[in-house]
């Protein structure tokens, strides 16, 4: 199969999305862009959120982890499910009761304007880094396996893809994304299932024989029982739970789709349905990873973990399956990028500019500002994706979850302090607490996991060995895992307590 033919299918798929966007964005306004006129169907939102939450990182990176750590990632998935329960029955009732357009309005009502804008800033910083990392991974795969043969540079591919996303999101926003994400989730899951069936049949395996073979090789092991390991099951489950609470429940991108549903009950049904489906889908990705490991060993394929799935799909599968894989990969890319651009535009306009607080602005001026912000974030995305290319990091899923531990910690601390206490903080000092906490936690994590940083960023020198010796002296064999987010949130919570006084909140 030629790269040109694959590229033709990519263009055709994009044109199809444009048609859907044109149909769904007619008669749209600012409320349509921000919260879909609060008229989204909960079943569509639930299904479409699968594509947003999984993204290209899950599609490419999760299968690649099986060869090294088996099904251990499923520990984090269990934590995800527990986190969704908290979102459905703790956070959603709060958001609906306050009738929020931006979830960070809660911080303004509870603490004040500085806390409100601090929360929004941390969301913007977190989502920009997370979304661009996901975007980089998929564009890099397309560039290596398809576009390079056509002499299309990475920079050009990134620009064109971001332009595509702008074209179908700039007008309809959430109203459009609810439909496009549903279509893209369908194509993504179709691609996954087709690839599983092909590899399984090609190797003469059934579902049960595949699991048996993986079990013999020790790859179906889920739970890590070494308490000192960063993969210890309690660390992974609890860390996964809080990652979901923050990266979904305290994230404007994910929650603006939930609060676009007509009422609280339907929104809760959306989250519970979605959480059960995510467990099943992640298991399928791990099964795919196991099959790829077996297939790669049989055929002598030796490539980096993140390149295993695309290598097999594009070089060892029939043309029809390769086309389905590419469409599925693109379908995994778009939901994580289009939703992020929309949510970042919403948060910047509503939370930082205060577009809804400016009574003198008419609908036309608000739309003009919104479009300008939307285009500006696309430019920011472009520059940061090029930065990821320069670093050329292959373990993107670890990087994303590590970054989330630092950037979402202050949000966790702010919302937890607001919900669990009635104390009033010195609002003007909140931003200093929220900056200091992740910096302190980063310093501790850098010392504790110096080997990880050395591997990811190719650090060298005697100073690295000195830090290793110091780390072993202080921490012994104990390694911080995904529970890093909890330490960060707890430190933020304690910092807020130190600038608070015991006074009932009005």
Protein backbone atom coordinates (compact mmCIF):
# COMPACT_ATOMS: atom_id res chain seq x y z
CA UNK A 1 0.00 0.00 0.00
CA UNK A 2 1.42 3.39 -1.03
CA UNK A 3 1.66 6.34 1.30
CA UNK A 4 -0.22 8.44 -1.24
CA UNK A 5 -3.24 6.16 -1.11
CA UNK A 6 -3.27 6.19 2.70
CA UNK A 7 -2.99 9.99 2.63
CA UNK A 8 -5.97 10.15 0.25
CA UNK A 9 -8.13 8.31 2.78
CA UNK A 10 -6.98 10.74 5.50
CA UNK A 11 -8.08 13.71 3.37
CA UNK A 12 -11.39 12.03 2.57
CA UNK A 13 -12.02 11.38 6.25
CA UNK A 14 -11.31 15.01 7.09
CA UNK A 15 -13.72 16.24 4.40
CA UNK A 16 -16.37 14.00 5.93
CA UNK A 17 -15.77 15.67 9.31
CA UNK A 18 -16.14 19.09 7.70
CA UNK A 19 -19.55 18.13 6.35
CA UNK A 20 -20.64 16.95 9.81
CA UNK A 21 -19.31 20.17 11.35
CA UNK A 22 -21.16 22.31 8.81
CA UNK A 23 -24.45 20.52 9.52
CA UNK A 24 -24.13 20.65 13.32
CA UNK A 25 -22.84 24.22 13.60
CA UNK A 26 -25.69 25.95 11.75
CA UNK A 27 -27.39 28.62 13.86
CA UNK A 28 -24.65 28.32 16.49
CA UNK A 29 -23.81 31.10 18.93
CA UNK A 30 -21.41 31.59 21.84
CA UNK A 31 -23.54 29.42 24.14
CA UNK A 32 -23.42 26.64 21.52
CA UNK A 33 -19.63 26.90 21.43
CA UNK A 34 -19.14 26.89 25.20
CA UNK A 35 -21.77 24.42 26.50
CA UNK A 36 -23.74 23.16 23.47
CA UNK A 37 -26.85 25.11 24.55
CA UNK A 38 -27.15 22.59 27.43
CA UNK A 39 -28.99 20.32 25.04
CA UNK A 40 -26.51 17.49 24.35
CA UNK A 41 -27.72 13.88 24.30
CA UNK A 42 -26.13 12.02 27.22
CA UNK A 43 -25.58 8.82 25.21
CA UNK A 44 -23.69 10.70 22.50
CA UNK A 45 -21.59 12.50 25.11
CA UNK A 46 -20.77 9.23 26.91
CA UNK A 47 -19.72 7.46 23.73
CA UNK A 48 -17.79 10.42 22.34
CA UNK A 49 -15.89 10.91 25.60
CA UNK A 50 -14.26 7.51 25.10
CA UNK A 51 -12.29 8.91 22.19
CA UNK A 52 -11.41 12.07 24.12
CA UNK A 53 -10.19 10.25 27.22
CA UNK A 54 -8.25 7.55 25.39
CA UNK A 55 -6.74 9.55 22.50
CA UNK A 56 -3.79 8.57 20.35
CA UNK A 57 -1.65 7.93 23.44
CA UNK A 58 -3.82 4.99 24.46
CA UNK A 59 -4.09 3.82 20.86
CA UNK A 60 -0.32 3.69 20.34
CA UNK A 61 1.39 3.67 23.75
CA UNK A 62 -0.76 1.37 25.92
CA UNK A 63 -0.34 -1.68 23.65
CA UNK A 64 3.39 -0.99 23.64
CA UNK A 65 3.62 -1.26 27.44
CA UNK A 66 2.55 -4.92 27.57
CA UNK A 67 5.92 -6.32 26.49
CA UNK A 68 7.63 -4.63 29.42
CA UNK A 69 5.05 -4.63 32.22
CA UNK A 70 2.27 -7.00 31.15
CA UNK A 71 -1.24 -5.90 32.06
CA UNK A 72 -0.02 -3.74 34.97
CA UNK A 73 -1.60 -0.64 33.40
CA UNK A 74 -4.98 -2.15 34.30
CA UNK A 75 -4.26 -1.20 37.93
CA UNK A 76 -4.53 2.44 36.86
CA UNK A 77 -7.72 1.65 34.91
CA UNK A 78 -9.33 0.28 38.10
CA UNK A 79 -8.48 3.59 39.73
CA UNK A 80 -10.06 5.44 36.81
CA UNK A 81 -13.37 3.69 37.48
CA UNK A 82 -13.35 4.71 41.16
CA UNK A 83 -12.57 8.27 40.13
CA UNK A 84 -15.56 8.40 37.79
CA UNK A 85 -17.84 7.43 40.68
CA UNK A 86 -16.57 10.45 42.62
CA UNK A 87 -17.18 12.69 39.61
CA UNK A 88 -20.72 11.40 39.12
CA UNK A 89 -21.89 11.68 42.72
CA UNK A 90 -19.73 14.45 44.23
CA UNK A 91 -18.64 16.92 41.54
CA UNK A 92 -21.50 16.85 39.02
CA UNK A 93 -24.18 17.69 41.64
CA UNK A 94 -22.07 20.72 42.62
CA UNK A 95 -21.65 21.92 39.03
CA UNK A 96 -25.35 21.57 38.21
CA UNK A 97 -26.47 23.16 41.47
CA UNK A 98 -24.35 26.24 40.72
CA UNK A 99 -25.38 26.22 37.02
CA UNK A 100 -21.76 26.66 35.91
CA UNK A 101 -20.52 27.37 32.39
CA UNK A 102 -16.90 27.15 33.53
CA UNK A 103 -16.33 24.81 36.47
CA UNK A 104 -13.72 27.21 37.85
CA UNK A 105 -16.49 29.70 38.65
CA UNK A 106 -16.90 27.58 41.80
CA UNK A 107 -13.50 28.80 43.01
CA UNK A 108 -14.58 32.41 42.57
CA UNK A 109 -17.75 31.85 44.58
CA UNK A 110 -15.89 29.94 47.29
CA UNK A 111 -12.60 31.85 47.61
CA UNK A 112 -12.39 34.89 45.34
CA UNK A 113 -11.14 36.14 42.00
CA UNK A 114 -7.43 35.26 42.44
CA UNK A 115 -8.19 31.62 43.31
CA UNK A 116 -10.63 31.48 40.42
CA UNK A 117 -8.09 32.72 37.87
CA UNK A 118 -5.32 30.59 39.42
CA UNK A 119 -7.42 27.46 38.93
CA UNK A 120 -8.15 28.43 35.32
CA UNK A 121 -4.47 29.15 34.64
CA UNK A 122 -3.41 25.75 35.96
CA UNK A 123 -6.04 24.08 33.80
CA UNK A 124 -4.83 25.99 30.73
CA UNK A 125 -1.20 25.09 31.43
CA UNK A 126 -2.07 21.44 32.11
CA UNK A 127 -4.31 20.97 29.11
CA UNK A 128 -1.93 22.69 26.70
CA UNK A 129 0.92 20.36 27.70
CA UNK A 130 -1.24 17.23 27.77
CA UNK A 131 -3.03 17.88 24.49
CA UNK A 132 0.13 18.80 22.59
CA UNK A 133 1.94 15.70 23.88
CA UNK A 134 -0.90 13.53 22.57
CA UNK A 135 -0.97 15.47 19.31
CA UNK A 136 2.78 15.07 18.86
CA UNK A 137 2.66 11.31 19.33
CA UNK A 138 0.09 10.69 16.59
CA UNK A 139 1.50 13.22 14.11
CA UNK A 140 4.95 11.70 14.63
CA UNK A 141 3.59 8.23 13.80
CA UNK A 142 1.91 9.58 10.64
CA UNK A 143 5.07 11.41 9.65
CA UNK A 144 7.36 8.40 10.15
CA UNK A 145 5.13 5.83 8.47
CA UNK A 146 3.30 7.81 5.78
CA UNK A 147 4.30 11.43 5.24
CA UNK A 148 8.08 10.93 5.24
CA UNK A 149 7.86 8.87 2.04
CA UNK A 150 5.92 11.74 0.48
CA UNK A 151 8.65 14.23 1.52
CA UNK A 152 6.20 16.09 3.78
CA UNK A 153 8.04 17.62 6.73
CA UNK A 154 6.82 17.21 10.30
CA UNK A 155 6.28 20.96 10.64
CA UNK A 156 4.07 21.05 7.54
CA UNK A 157 2.05 18.04 8.71
CA UNK A 158 1.49 19.63 12.12
CA UNK A 159 0.37 22.92 10.58
CA UNK A 160 -2.07 21.23 8.18
CA UNK A 161 -3.61 18.99 10.86
CA UNK A 162 -4.12 21.93 13.25
CA UNK A 163 -5.67 23.89 10.38
CA UNK A 164 -8.06 20.99 9.76
CA UNK A 165 -9.09 20.97 13.42
CA UNK A 166 -9.63 24.73 13.38
CA UNK A 167 -11.86 24.53 10.34
CA UNK A 168 -14.38 22.16 11.91
CA UNK A 169 -14.36 23.56 15.48
CA UNK A 170 -14.13 27.34 15.17
CA UNK A 171 -17.87 27.88 14.80
CA UNK A 172 -19.79 25.07 16.51
CA UNK A 173 -17.48 24.30 19.45
CA UNK A 174 -19.02 21.83 21.92
CA UNK A 175 -22.20 21.54 19.86
CA UNK A 176 -20.16 20.17 16.94
CA UNK A 177 -17.62 18.18 18.97
CA UNK A 178 -20.32 16.07 20.65
CA UNK A 179 -21.16 14.66 17.19
CA UNK A 180 -17.67 14.50 15.68
CA UNK A 181 -16.26 12.78 18.78
CA UNK A 182 -19.01 10.16 18.53
CA UNK A 183 -18.04 9.42 14.92
CA UNK A 184 -14.34 9.38 15.73
CA UNK A 185 -14.80 7.05 18.70
CA UNK A 186 -16.70 4.67 16.42
CA UNK A 187 -13.86 4.59 13.86
CA UNK A 188 -11.22 4.25 16.57
CA UNK A 189 -12.90 1.23 18.21
CA UNK A 190 -13.62 -0.31 14.82
CA UNK A 191 -9.93 -0.09 13.96
CA UNK A 192 -8.92 -1.65 17.27
CA UNK A 193 -11.33 -4.59 16.93
CA UNK A 194 -10.40 -5.25 13.28
CA UNK A 195 -6.68 -5.32 14.16
CA UNK A 196 -7.29 -7.68 17.09
CA UNK A 197 -9.29 -10.08 14.92
CA UNK A 198 -6.71 -10.00 12.11
CA UNK A 199 -3.65 -10.68 14.31
CA UNK A 200 -5.51 -13.34 16.28
CA UNK A 201 -6.60 -15.16 13.13
CA UNK A 202 -3.20 -14.73 11.47
CA UNK A 203 -1.50 -16.48 14.39
CA UNK A 204 -4.16 -19.16 14.66
CA UNK A 205 -5.23 -18.00 18.11
CA UNK A 206 -8.62 -17.72 19.77
CA UNK A 207 -9.44 -15.34 22.60
CA UNK A 208 -8.80 -18.02 25.24
CA UNK A 209 -5.62 -19.36 23.62
CA UNK A 210 -4.24 -15.82 23.37
CA UNK A 211 -4.76 -15.24 27.09
CA UNK A 212 -3.24 -18.67 27.83
CA UNK A 213 -0.13 -17.91 25.77
CA UNK A 214 0.27 -14.48 27.40
CA UNK A 215 -0.22 -16.03 30.84
CA UNK A 216 2.51 -18.60 30.16
CA UNK A 217 4.86 -15.72 29.32
CA UNK A 218 3.83 -13.84 32.48
CA UNK A 219 2.25 -10.95 30.58
CA UNK A 220 -1.26 -11.13 32.03
CA UNK A 221 -0.07 -10.22 35.51
CA UNK A 222 -1.91 -7.15 36.74
CA UNK A 223 -1.03 -6.49 40.38
CA UNK A 224 2.42 -5.43 41.59
CA UNK A 225 2.87 -6.34 45.26
CA UNK A 226 6.26 -4.70 45.95
CA UNK A 227 5.40 -1.75 48.19
CA UNK A 228 8.65 0.03 47.27
CA UNK A 229 7.94 -0.13 43.53
CA UNK A 230 6.39 2.86 41.74
CA UNK A 231 4.02 0.28 40.23
CA UNK A 232 2.73 -1.00 43.62
CA UNK A 233 -0.96 -1.72 43.09
CA UNK A 234 -2.28 0.63 45.79
CA UNK A 235 -0.19 3.49 44.41
CA UNK A 236 -1.45 2.78 40.91
CA UNK A 237 -5.13 2.38 41.84
CA UNK A 238 -5.25 5.41 44.15
CA UNK A 239 -3.13 7.41 41.72
CA UNK A 240 -5.43 6.44 38.84
CA UNK A 241 -8.47 7.46 40.86
CA UNK A 242 -7.12 10.93 41.57
CA UNK A 243 -5.83 11.31 38.01
CA UNK A 244 -9.42 10.80 36.84
CA UNK A 245 -10.88 13.13 39.47
CA UNK A 246 -8.51 15.90 38.39
CA UNK A 247 -7.94 15.25 34.68
CA UNK A 248 -11.66 14.69 34.09
CA UNK A 249 -13.66 16.03 37.04
CA UNK A 250 -11.61 19.22 37.49
CA UNK A 251 -10.88 19.65 33.78
CA UNK A 252 -12.95 22.13 31.79
CA UNK A 253 -12.50 20.19 28.54
CA UNK A 254 -14.04 17.00 29.90
CA UNK A 255 -16.65 18.59 32.13
CA UNK A 256 -17.97 21.14 29.62
CA UNK A 257 -19.30 18.15 27.65
CA UNK A 258 -20.90 16.68 30.77
CA UNK A 259 -22.55 19.92 31.83
CA UNK A 260 -23.83 20.39 28.27
CA UNK A 261 -26.24 17.50 29.01
CA UNK A 262 -29.82 18.55 29.80
CA UNK A 263 -29.93 17.61 33.51
CA UNK A 264 -27.91 16.11 36.36
CA UNK A 265 -29.46 12.66 36.19
CA UNK A 266 -28.65 12.23 32.50
CA UNK A 267 -25.14 13.57 33.07
CA UNK A 268 -24.57 10.99 35.82
CA UNK A 269 -25.84 8.22 33.53
CA UNK A 270 -23.36 9.49 30.96
CA UNK A 271 -20.39 9.23 33.37
CA UNK A 272 -21.29 5.77 34.72
CA UNK A 273 -21.89 4.33 31.24
CA UNK A 274 -18.67 5.89 30.04
CA UNK A 275 -16.65 4.55 33.01
CA UNK A 276 -17.77 0.95 32.43
CA UNK A 277 -17.01 1.22 28.73
CA UNK A 278 -13.53 2.62 29.43
CA UNK A 279 -12.66 -0.50 31.45
CA UNK A 280 -13.66 -2.77 28.56
CA UNK A 281 -11.86 -0.67 25.94
CA UNK A 282 -8.62 -0.46 27.93
CA UNK A 283 -8.67 -4.23 28.35
CA UNK A 284 -8.96 -4.56 24.56
CA UNK A 285 -5.96 -2.26 24.10
CA UNK A 286 -3.93 -4.40 26.51
CA UNK A 287 -5.05 -7.54 24.67
CA UNK A 288 -3.95 -5.90 21.43
CA UNK A 289 -0.60 -5.19 23.05
CA UNK A 290 -0.23 -8.83 24.04
CA UNK A 291 -1.04 -9.97 20.51
CA UNK A 292 1.46 -7.49 19.07
CA UNK A 293 4.13 -8.80 21.44
CA UNK A 294 3.51 -12.39 20.33
CA UNK A 295 3.33 -11.36 16.67
CA UNK A 296 6.49 -9.26 16.93
CA UNK A 297 8.46 -12.11 18.53
CA UNK A 298 7.30 -14.54 15.84
CA UNK A 299 8.25 -12.18 12.99
CA UNK A 300 11.44 -10.78 14.56
CA UNK A 301 10.10 -7.22 14.84
CA UNK A 302 12.32 -5.10 17.09
CA UNK A 303 11.16 -1.48 17.32
CA UNK A 304 10.49 1.03 20.15
CA UNK A 305 7.32 0.31 22.13
CA UNK A 306 5.36 3.27 20.71
CA UNK A 307 6.20 2.18 17.14
CA UNK A 308 5.14 -1.48 17.50
CA UNK A 309 1.43 -1.10 16.69
CA UNK A 310 1.89 1.16 13.62
CA UNK A 311 4.79 -0.98 12.35
CA UNK A 312 2.69 -4.15 12.40
CA UNK A 313 -0.45 -2.45 11.08
CA UNK A 314 1.21 -0.67 8.15
CA UNK A 315 3.90 -3.17 7.13
CA UNK A 316 2.55 -6.60 8.05
CA UNK A 317 -1.23 -6.32 7.59
CA UNK A 318 -3.31 -6.29 4.36
CA UNK A 319 -4.01 -2.97 2.67
CA UNK A 320 -7.63 -2.83 3.85
CA UNK A 321 -6.59 -3.30 7.49
CA UNK A 322 -3.84 -0.67 7.11
CA UNK A 323 -6.43 1.84 5.87
CA UNK A 324 -8.71 1.07 8.82
CA UNK A 325 -5.75 1.49 11.19
CA UNK A 326 -4.84 4.91 9.76
CA UNK A 327 -8.44 6.14 9.98
CA UNK A 328 -8.63 4.82 13.55
CA UNK A 329 -5.36 6.58 14.42
CA UNK A 330 -6.62 9.87 13.00
CA UNK A 331 -9.88 9.32 14.89
CA UNK A 332 -7.84 8.94 18.06
CA UNK A 333 -5.92 12.14 17.31
CA UNK A 334 -8.75 14.57 16.61
CA UNK A 335 -10.89 14.18 19.79
CA UNK A 336 -7.97 14.98 22.12
CA UNK A 337 -7.00 18.04 20.08
CA UNK A 338 -10.36 19.50 19.05
CA UNK A 339 -11.81 19.24 22.54
CA UNK A 340 -8.69 20.77 24.06
CA UNK A 341 -8.74 23.75 21.69
CA UNK A 342 -12.41 24.34 22.41
CA UNK A 343 -12.05 24.01 26.17
CA UNK A 344 -8.97 26.23 26.31
CA UNK A 345 -10.78 28.86 24.29
CA UNK A 346 -13.79 28.61 26.61
CA UNK A 347 -11.71 28.85 29.79
CA UNK A 348 -9.58 31.74 28.53
CA UNK A 349 -12.62 33.71 27.34
CA UNK A 350 -14.86 33.02 30.33
CA UNK A 351 -12.38 32.77 33.20
CA UNK A 352 -9.53 35.11 32.29
CA UNK A 353 -11.06 37.67 29.92
CA UNK A 354 -14.47 37.48 31.62
CA UNK A 355 -16.43 37.55 28.36
CA UNK A 356 -19.74 36.86 30.16
CA UNK A 357 -19.06 39.56 32.76
CA UNK A 358 -18.65 42.32 30.17
CA UNK A 359 -22.17 43.66 29.81
CA UNK A 360 -21.06 46.21 27.21
CA UNK A 361 -20.00 43.55 24.73
CA UNK A 362 -22.56 42.43 22.18
CA UNK A 363 -22.70 38.91 20.68
CA UNK A 364 -20.70 39.97 17.63
CA UNK A 365 -17.79 41.33 19.66
CA UNK A 366 -17.75 38.25 21.92
CA UNK A 367 -17.61 36.03 18.85
CA UNK A 368 -14.71 38.05 17.41
CA UNK A 369 -12.72 37.72 20.65
CA UNK A 370 -13.52 34.01 20.89
CA UNK A 371 -12.27 33.34 17.35
CA UNK A 372 -9.09 35.31 17.99
CA UNK A 373 -8.38 33.29 21.15
CA UNK A 374 -9.16 30.04 19.32
CA UNK A 375 -6.64 30.81 16.58
CA UNK A 376 -4.05 31.91 19.15
CA UNK A 377 -4.22 28.59 20.97
CA UNK A 378 -3.77 26.78 17.66
CA UNK A 379 -0.51 28.70 17.18
CA UNK A 380 0.58 27.78 20.73
CA UNK A 381 -0.21 24.12 19.99
CA UNK A 382 1.90 24.28 16.84
CA UNK A 383 4.95 25.65 18.63
CA UNK A 384 4.79 23.21 21.56
CA UNK A 385 4.32 20.17 19.29
CA UNK A 386 7.51 21.24 17.49
CA UNK A 387 9.15 21.40 20.93
CA UNK A 388 8.17 17.79 21.63
CA UNK A 389 9.67 16.82 18.27
CA UNK A 390 12.90 18.49 19.27
CA UNK A 391 13.04 16.55 22.55
CA UNK A 392 11.89 13.40 20.64
CA UNK A 393 10.59 11.60 23.72
CA UNK A 394 9.24 8.10 23.09
CA UNK A 395 7.56 7.39 26.45
CA UNK A 396 4.76 9.90 26.02
CA UNK A 397 2.20 8.17 28.27
CA UNK A 398 4.60 8.30 31.23
CA UNK A 399 5.42 11.93 30.52
CA UNK A 400 1.74 12.93 30.34
CA UNK A 401 0.84 11.24 33.64
CA UNK A 402 3.96 12.66 35.30
CA UNK A 403 3.17 16.20 34.14
CA UNK A 404 -0.44 15.77 35.30
CA UNK A 405 0.84 14.99 38.80
CA UNK A 406 2.44 18.43 38.98
CA UNK A 407 -0.04 20.63 37.12
CA UNK A 408 -3.35 19.21 38.37
CA UNK A 409 -2.23 18.99 42.01
CA UNK A 410 -3.08 22.63 42.81
CA UNK A 411 -6.56 22.17 41.29
CA UNK A 412 -7.08 19.10 43.49
CA UNK A 413 -5.96 21.06 46.55
CA UNK A 414 -8.18 24.06 45.78
CA UNK A 415 -11.36 22.06 45.15
CA UNK A 416 -10.71 19.71 48.10
CA UNK A 417 -10.15 22.62 50.49
CA UNK A 418 -13.31 24.32 49.25
CA UNK A 419 -15.46 21.19 49.66
CA UNK A 420 -14.00 19.75 52.87
CA UNK A 421 -13.69 22.91 54.96
CA UNK A 422 -15.60 26.09 55.66
CA UNK A 423 -12.43 28.12 56.26
CA UNK A 424 -11.82 31.38 54.39
CA UNK A 425 -8.42 31.86 52.76
CA UNK A 426 -6.42 34.97 51.96
CA UNK A 427 -7.37 34.94 48.31
CA UNK A 428 -4.46 37.08 47.13
CA UNK A 429 -1.94 34.55 48.47
CA UNK A 430 -3.55 31.52 46.83
CA UNK A 431 -1.50 31.79 43.65
CA UNK A 432 1.78 31.62 45.64
CA UNK A 433 0.66 28.44 47.40
CA UNK A 434 -0.40 26.87 44.09
CA UNK A 435 2.96 27.66 42.48
CA UNK A 436 5.10 26.61 45.48
CA UNK A 437 3.45 23.22 46.03
CA UNK A 438 4.22 21.65 42.62
CA UNK A 439 7.74 23.11 42.63
CA UNK A 440 8.48 21.48 46.01
CA UNK A 441 6.93 18.18 44.90
CA UNK A 442 8.89 18.29 41.64
CA UNK A 443 12.14 18.72 43.58
CA UNK A 444 11.31 15.69 45.76
CA UNK A 445 10.26 13.60 42.76
CA UNK A 446 13.38 14.58 40.80
CA UNK A 447 15.57 13.24 43.59
CA UNK A 448 13.44 10.13 44.16
CA UNK A 449 13.10 9.20 40.46
CA UNK A 450 16.42 10.51 39.13
CA UNK A 451 16.86 7.36 37.03
CA UNK A 452 13.58 8.10 35.21
CA UNK A 453 14.60 11.71 34.50
CA UNK A 454 18.04 10.55 33.38
CA UNK A 455 16.48 8.13 30.89
CA UNK A 456 13.82 10.51 29.58
CA UNK A 457 16.02 13.58 29.15
CA UNK A 458 19.44 11.93 28.63
CA UNK A 459 20.99 13.57 31.71
CA UNK A 460 24.71 12.96 32.24
CA UNK A 461 27.45 14.02 34.63
CA UNK A 462 28.80 13.38 38.11
CA UNK A 463 26.00 15.44 39.61
CA UNK A 464 23.50 12.80 38.44
CA UNK A 465 25.40 10.08 40.34
CA UNK A 466 25.53 12.32 43.42
CA UNK A 467 21.74 12.73 43.33
CA UNK A 468 21.35 8.95 42.93
CA UNK A 469 23.45 8.34 46.04
CA UNK A 470 21.48 10.96 47.98
CA UNK A 471 18.18 9.45 46.79
CA UNK A 472 19.18 5.95 47.93
CA UNK A 473 20.20 7.35 51.32
CA UNK A 474 16.91 9.22 51.85
CA UNK A 475 14.34 6.98 50.17
CA UNK A 476 16.03 3.58 50.02
CA UNK A 477 14.19 1.44 47.48
CA UNK A 478 10.91 3.39 47.75
CA UNK A 479 9.78 5.00 44.48
CA UNK A 480 7.04 7.58 44.03
CA UNK A 481 4.46 6.52 41.42
CA UNK A 482 1.25 8.05 40.08
CA UNK A 483 0.26 8.95 43.65
CA UNK A 484 2.53 11.98 43.10
CA UNK A 485 -0.67 13.89 42.29
CA UNK A 486 -2.01 13.20 45.79
CA UNK A 487 1.16 14.48 47.48
CA UNK A 488 0.93 17.64 45.38
CA UNK A 489 -2.75 18.16 46.19
CA UNK A 490 -2.13 17.53 49.89
CA UNK A 491 0.72 20.04 50.01
CA UNK A 492 -1.50 22.60 48.26
CA UNK A 493 -4.27 21.84 50.78
CA UNK A 494 -1.89 22.41 53.71
CA UNK A 495 -0.62 25.61 52.12
CA UNK A 496 -4.17 26.92 51.76
CA UNK A 497 -4.85 25.99 55.38
CA UNK A 498 -1.84 28.08 56.45
CA UNK A 499 -3.32 31.19 54.76
CA UNK A 500 -6.87 30.62 56.03
CA UNK A 501 -8.89 31.52 59.08
CA UNK A 502 -11.71 29.71 60.81
CA UNK A 503 -14.68 31.68 59.61
CA UNK A 504 -17.92 30.29 58.17
CA UNK A 505 -18.19 30.88 54.46
CA UNK A 506 -21.18 33.02 53.60
